[in-house]
């Protein structure tokens, strides 16, 4: 769940009946939304970025999100795309 100045992350591992929740501050301007991604895909993307901060560009929960480092390296224009997954109602 993301809303102005707050990101609430949650993850579930159904195989091992584990779950985790974390709230953090963020810079976000837009309507509040619930959006879900495969955690393995997010970890893979974030593991190749060397920056302390990244930017997520989200349109709505049914469209792909773009992830970019906040500071692009010289002669580089890196953008990664991650598709959302359906949330259970």
N, C-alpha and C. Protein backbone atom coordinates (compact mmCIF):
# COMPACT_ATOMS: atom_id res chain seq x y z
N UNK A 1 0.85 -1.17 0.00
CA UNK A 1 0.00 0.00 0.00
C UNK A 1 0.89 1.22 0.00
N UNK A 2 0.58 2.15 -0.89
CA UNK A 2 1.36 3.39 -0.94
C UNK A 2 0.40 4.57 -0.93
N UNK A 3 0.78 5.56 -0.14
CA UNK A 3 0.03 6.81 -0.08
C UNK A 3 1.04 7.92 0.19
N UNK A 4 0.58 9.13 0.24
CA UNK A 4 1.49 10.26 0.42
C UNK A 4 2.39 10.06 1.63
N UNK A 5 3.69 10.06 1.39
CA UNK A 5 4.72 9.97 2.43
C UNK A 5 4.79 8.64 3.18
N UNK A 6 4.07 7.60 2.75
CA UNK A 6 4.12 6.34 3.47
C UNK A 6 4.01 5.15 2.52
N UNK A 7 4.90 4.19 2.72
CA UNK A 7 4.89 2.94 1.98
C UNK A 7 4.78 1.81 2.99
N UNK A 8 3.76 1.00 2.86
CA UNK A 8 3.57 -0.16 3.72
C UNK A 8 3.85 -1.41 2.88
N UNK A 9 4.94 -2.09 3.19
CA UNK A 9 5.34 -3.29 2.47
C UNK A 9 4.92 -4.53 3.24
N UNK A 10 4.51 -5.54 2.52
CA UNK A 10 4.23 -6.83 3.15
C UNK A 10 4.64 -7.93 2.18
N UNK A 11 5.07 -9.04 2.75
CA UNK A 11 5.49 -10.17 1.94
C UNK A 11 5.02 -11.45 2.62
N UNK A 12 4.66 -12.42 1.81
CA UNK A 12 4.22 -13.72 2.34
C UNK A 12 4.95 -14.84 1.61
N UNK A 13 5.35 -15.83 2.37
CA UNK A 13 5.93 -17.06 1.82
C UNK A 13 4.96 -18.18 2.21
N UNK A 14 4.10 -18.53 1.28
CA UNK A 14 3.06 -19.51 1.58
C UNK A 14 3.63 -20.90 1.84
N UNK A 15 4.77 -21.22 1.22
CA UNK A 15 5.38 -22.54 1.42
C UNK A 15 5.81 -22.77 2.87
N UNK A 16 6.28 -21.71 3.52
CA UNK A 16 6.79 -21.83 4.88
C UNK A 16 5.92 -21.10 5.91
N UNK A 17 4.78 -20.62 5.48
CA UNK A 17 3.83 -19.90 6.36
C UNK A 17 4.51 -18.74 7.09
N UNK A 18 5.30 -17.97 6.35
CA UNK A 18 5.96 -16.79 6.91
C UNK A 18 5.39 -15.53 6.27
N UNK A 19 5.42 -14.46 7.04
CA UNK A 19 5.07 -13.17 6.47
C UNK A 19 5.79 -12.06 7.21
N UNK A 20 5.96 -10.94 6.52
CA UNK A 20 6.65 -9.80 7.12
C UNK A 20 5.94 -8.53 6.68
N UNK A 21 5.98 -7.52 7.55
CA UNK A 21 5.37 -6.22 7.26
C UNK A 21 6.33 -5.13 7.71
N UNK A 22 6.37 -4.06 6.95
CA UNK A 22 7.25 -2.94 7.27
C UNK A 22 6.62 -1.66 6.74
N UNK A 23 6.70 -0.59 7.52
CA UNK A 23 6.25 0.72 7.07
C UNK A 23 7.46 1.64 7.00
N UNK A 24 7.49 2.47 5.97
CA UNK A 24 8.60 3.43 5.83
C UNK A 24 8.09 4.69 5.15
N UNK A 25 8.84 5.74 5.33
CA UNK A 25 8.49 6.99 4.67
C UNK A 25 9.00 6.95 3.23
N UNK A 26 8.32 7.67 2.38
CA UNK A 26 8.71 7.76 0.98
C UNK A 26 8.23 9.09 0.43
N UNK A 27 8.69 9.43 -0.75
CA UNK A 27 8.18 10.60 -1.45
C UNK A 27 7.25 10.07 -2.53
N UNK A 28 5.98 10.36 -2.40
CA UNK A 28 4.97 9.86 -3.35
C UNK A 28 3.91 10.93 -3.52
N UNK A 29 3.60 11.24 -4.77
CA UNK A 29 2.49 12.14 -5.03
C UNK A 29 1.55 11.46 -6.01
N UNK A 30 0.40 11.16 -5.56
CA UNK A 30 -0.60 10.46 -6.34
C UNK A 30 -1.65 9.90 -5.42
N UNK A 31 -2.63 9.25 -6.00
CA UNK A 31 -3.68 8.64 -5.19
C UNK A 31 -3.16 7.39 -4.51
N UNK A 32 -3.66 7.11 -3.33
CA UNK A 32 -3.28 5.89 -2.61
C UNK A 32 -3.62 4.67 -3.46
N UNK A 33 -2.77 3.65 -3.40
CA UNK A 33 -3.05 2.43 -4.16
C UNK A 33 -2.43 1.22 -3.48
N UNK A 34 -3.02 0.08 -3.76
CA UNK A 34 -2.48 -1.21 -3.37
C UNK A 34 -1.98 -1.85 -4.66
N UNK A 35 -0.73 -2.26 -4.66
CA UNK A 35 -0.13 -2.88 -5.84
C UNK A 35 0.80 -3.99 -5.35
N UNK A 36 0.88 -5.07 -6.11
CA UNK A 36 1.69 -6.22 -5.69
C UNK A 36 2.65 -6.62 -6.81
N UNK A 37 3.85 -7.04 -6.38
CA UNK A 37 4.86 -7.53 -7.31
C UNK A 37 5.42 -8.83 -6.75
N UNK A 38 5.97 -9.65 -7.62
CA UNK A 38 6.67 -10.85 -7.19
C UNK A 38 7.95 -10.40 -6.49
N UNK A 39 8.12 -10.77 -5.24
CA UNK A 39 9.28 -10.33 -4.45
C UNK A 39 10.60 -10.77 -5.08
N UNK A 40 10.64 -11.95 -5.68
CA UNK A 40 11.88 -12.42 -6.29
C UNK A 40 12.30 -11.51 -7.43
N UNK A 41 11.33 -11.04 -8.22
CA UNK A 41 11.65 -10.14 -9.33
C UNK A 41 12.15 -8.80 -8.80
N UNK A 42 11.52 -8.27 -7.76
CA UNK A 42 11.97 -7.01 -7.17
C UNK A 42 13.37 -7.13 -6.61
N UNK A 43 13.64 -8.21 -5.89
CA UNK A 43 14.98 -8.41 -5.33
C UNK A 43 16.04 -8.51 -6.43
N UNK A 44 15.71 -9.18 -7.51
CA UNK A 44 16.65 -9.31 -8.62
C UNK A 44 16.96 -7.93 -9.22
N UNK A 45 15.93 -7.14 -9.43
CA UNK A 45 16.13 -5.79 -9.98
C UNK A 45 16.95 -4.93 -9.02
N UNK A 46 16.57 -4.92 -7.75
CA UNK A 46 17.26 -4.07 -6.79
C UNK A 46 18.70 -4.52 -6.54
N UNK A 47 18.98 -5.80 -6.72
CA UNK A 47 20.34 -6.30 -6.48
C UNK A 47 21.35 -5.79 -7.51
N UNK A 48 20.91 -5.42 -8.69
CA UNK A 48 21.84 -4.93 -9.71
C UNK A 48 22.00 -3.41 -9.65
N UNK A 49 21.16 -2.74 -8.89
CA UNK A 49 21.28 -1.30 -8.74
C UNK A 49 22.18 -1.00 -7.55
N UNK A 50 23.15 -0.15 -7.75
CA UNK A 50 24.12 0.15 -6.70
C UNK A 50 23.73 1.38 -5.89
N UNK A 51 22.63 2.00 -6.20
CA UNK A 51 22.23 3.24 -5.56
C UNK A 51 21.54 2.99 -4.22
N UNK A 52 21.64 3.96 -3.34
CA UNK A 52 20.93 3.93 -2.06
C UNK A 52 19.43 4.17 -2.28
N UNK A 53 19.10 4.95 -3.30
CA UNK A 53 17.71 5.30 -3.58
C UNK A 53 17.37 4.93 -5.02
N UNK A 54 16.15 4.48 -5.20
CA UNK A 54 15.63 4.20 -6.54
C UNK A 54 14.27 4.88 -6.67
N UNK A 55 13.85 5.05 -7.89
CA UNK A 55 12.55 5.67 -8.16
C UNK A 55 11.64 4.65 -8.81
N UNK A 56 10.46 4.48 -8.24
CA UNK A 56 9.42 3.64 -8.82
C UNK A 56 8.41 4.57 -9.49
N UNK A 57 8.07 4.30 -10.72
CA UNK A 57 7.05 5.06 -11.42
C UNK A 57 5.86 4.13 -11.60
N UNK A 58 4.76 4.46 -10.92
CA UNK A 58 3.57 3.61 -10.91
C UNK A 58 2.38 4.40 -11.44
N UNK A 59 1.66 3.82 -12.39
CA UNK A 59 0.47 4.47 -12.94
C UNK A 59 -0.79 3.98 -12.22
N UNK A 60 -0.96 2.67 -12.18
CA UNK A 60 -2.07 2.06 -11.46
C UNK A 60 -1.74 0.58 -11.23
N UNK A 61 -2.51 -0.10 -10.38
CA UNK A 61 -2.18 -1.49 -10.00
C UNK A 61 -2.21 -2.52 -11.13
N UNK A 62 -2.73 -2.16 -12.28
CA UNK A 62 -2.80 -3.13 -13.38
C UNK A 62 -1.76 -2.86 -14.47
N UNK A 63 -0.94 -1.84 -14.29
CA UNK A 63 0.07 -1.51 -15.30
C UNK A 63 1.47 -1.73 -14.74
N UNK A 64 2.40 -1.99 -15.63
CA UNK A 64 3.79 -2.24 -15.23
C UNK A 64 4.37 -1.04 -14.49
N UNK A 65 5.28 -1.32 -13.58
CA UNK A 65 6.00 -0.26 -12.88
C UNK A 65 7.39 -0.13 -13.47
N UNK A 66 7.90 1.10 -13.49
CA UNK A 66 9.25 1.35 -13.95
C UNK A 66 10.12 1.64 -12.74
N UNK A 67 11.33 1.11 -12.75
CA UNK A 67 12.27 1.32 -11.66
C UNK A 67 13.55 1.89 -12.27
N UNK A 68 14.01 3.01 -11.69
CA UNK A 68 15.23 3.66 -12.17
C UNK A 68 16.07 4.09 -10.98
N UNK A 69 17.39 4.09 -11.14
CA UNK A 69 18.23 4.67 -10.08
C UNK A 69 18.00 6.18 -10.07
N UNK A 70 18.07 6.79 -8.90
CA UNK A 70 17.87 8.24 -8.83
C UNK A 70 19.04 8.99 -9.45
N UNK A 71 20.21 8.39 -9.45
CA UNK A 71 21.40 8.99 -10.06
C UNK A 71 21.90 8.06 -11.17
N UNK A 72 21.71 8.46 -12.40
CA UNK A 72 22.18 7.64 -13.53
C UNK A 72 23.70 7.81 -13.67
N UNK A 73 24.38 6.71 -13.96
CA UNK A 73 25.81 6.78 -14.23
C UNK A 73 26.04 7.48 -15.57
N UNK A 74 27.23 8.02 -15.72
CA UNK A 74 27.56 8.73 -16.95
C UNK A 74 27.41 7.81 -18.16
N UNK A 75 26.82 8.33 -19.22
CA UNK A 75 26.58 7.60 -20.47
C UNK A 75 25.69 6.38 -20.28
N UNK A 76 24.82 6.42 -19.26
CA UNK A 76 23.91 5.30 -18.99
C UNK A 76 22.50 5.83 -18.80
N UNK A 77 21.55 5.10 -19.30
CA UNK A 77 20.14 5.43 -19.10
C UNK A 77 19.43 4.12 -18.77
N UNK A 78 19.44 3.74 -17.49
CA UNK A 78 18.93 2.45 -17.04
C UNK A 78 17.49 2.57 -16.55
N UNK A 79 16.60 1.79 -17.13
CA UNK A 79 15.21 1.70 -16.69
C UNK A 79 14.83 0.23 -16.69
N UNK A 80 14.21 -0.22 -15.59
CA UNK A 80 13.77 -1.61 -15.50
C UNK A 80 12.26 -1.64 -15.35
N UNK A 81 11.65 -2.66 -15.89
CA UNK A 81 10.20 -2.79 -15.88
C UNK A 81 9.82 -4.03 -15.08
N UNK A 82 8.80 -3.89 -14.23
CA UNK A 82 8.31 -5.04 -13.47
C UNK A 82 6.79 -5.06 -13.57
N UNK A 83 6.25 -6.22 -13.87
CA UNK A 83 4.80 -6.37 -14.01
C UNK A 83 4.18 -6.67 -12.65
N UNK A 84 3.03 -6.07 -12.35
CA UNK A 84 2.35 -6.36 -11.09
C UNK A 84 1.65 -7.72 -11.16
N UNK A 85 1.32 -8.24 -10.00
CA UNK A 85 0.54 -9.46 -9.92
C UNK A 85 -0.81 -9.12 -9.29
N UNK A 86 -1.77 -9.99 -9.50
CA UNK A 86 -3.13 -9.75 -8.99
C UNK A 86 -3.15 -9.93 -7.47
N UNK A 87 -3.83 -9.03 -6.81
CA UNK A 87 -4.06 -9.16 -5.37
C UNK A 87 -5.34 -9.94 -5.15
N UNK A 88 -5.35 -10.78 -4.13
CA UNK A 88 -6.58 -11.49 -3.78
C UNK A 88 -7.57 -10.51 -3.18
N UNK A 89 -8.79 -10.61 -3.59
CA UNK A 89 -9.82 -9.68 -3.10
C UNK A 89 -10.28 -10.03 -1.72
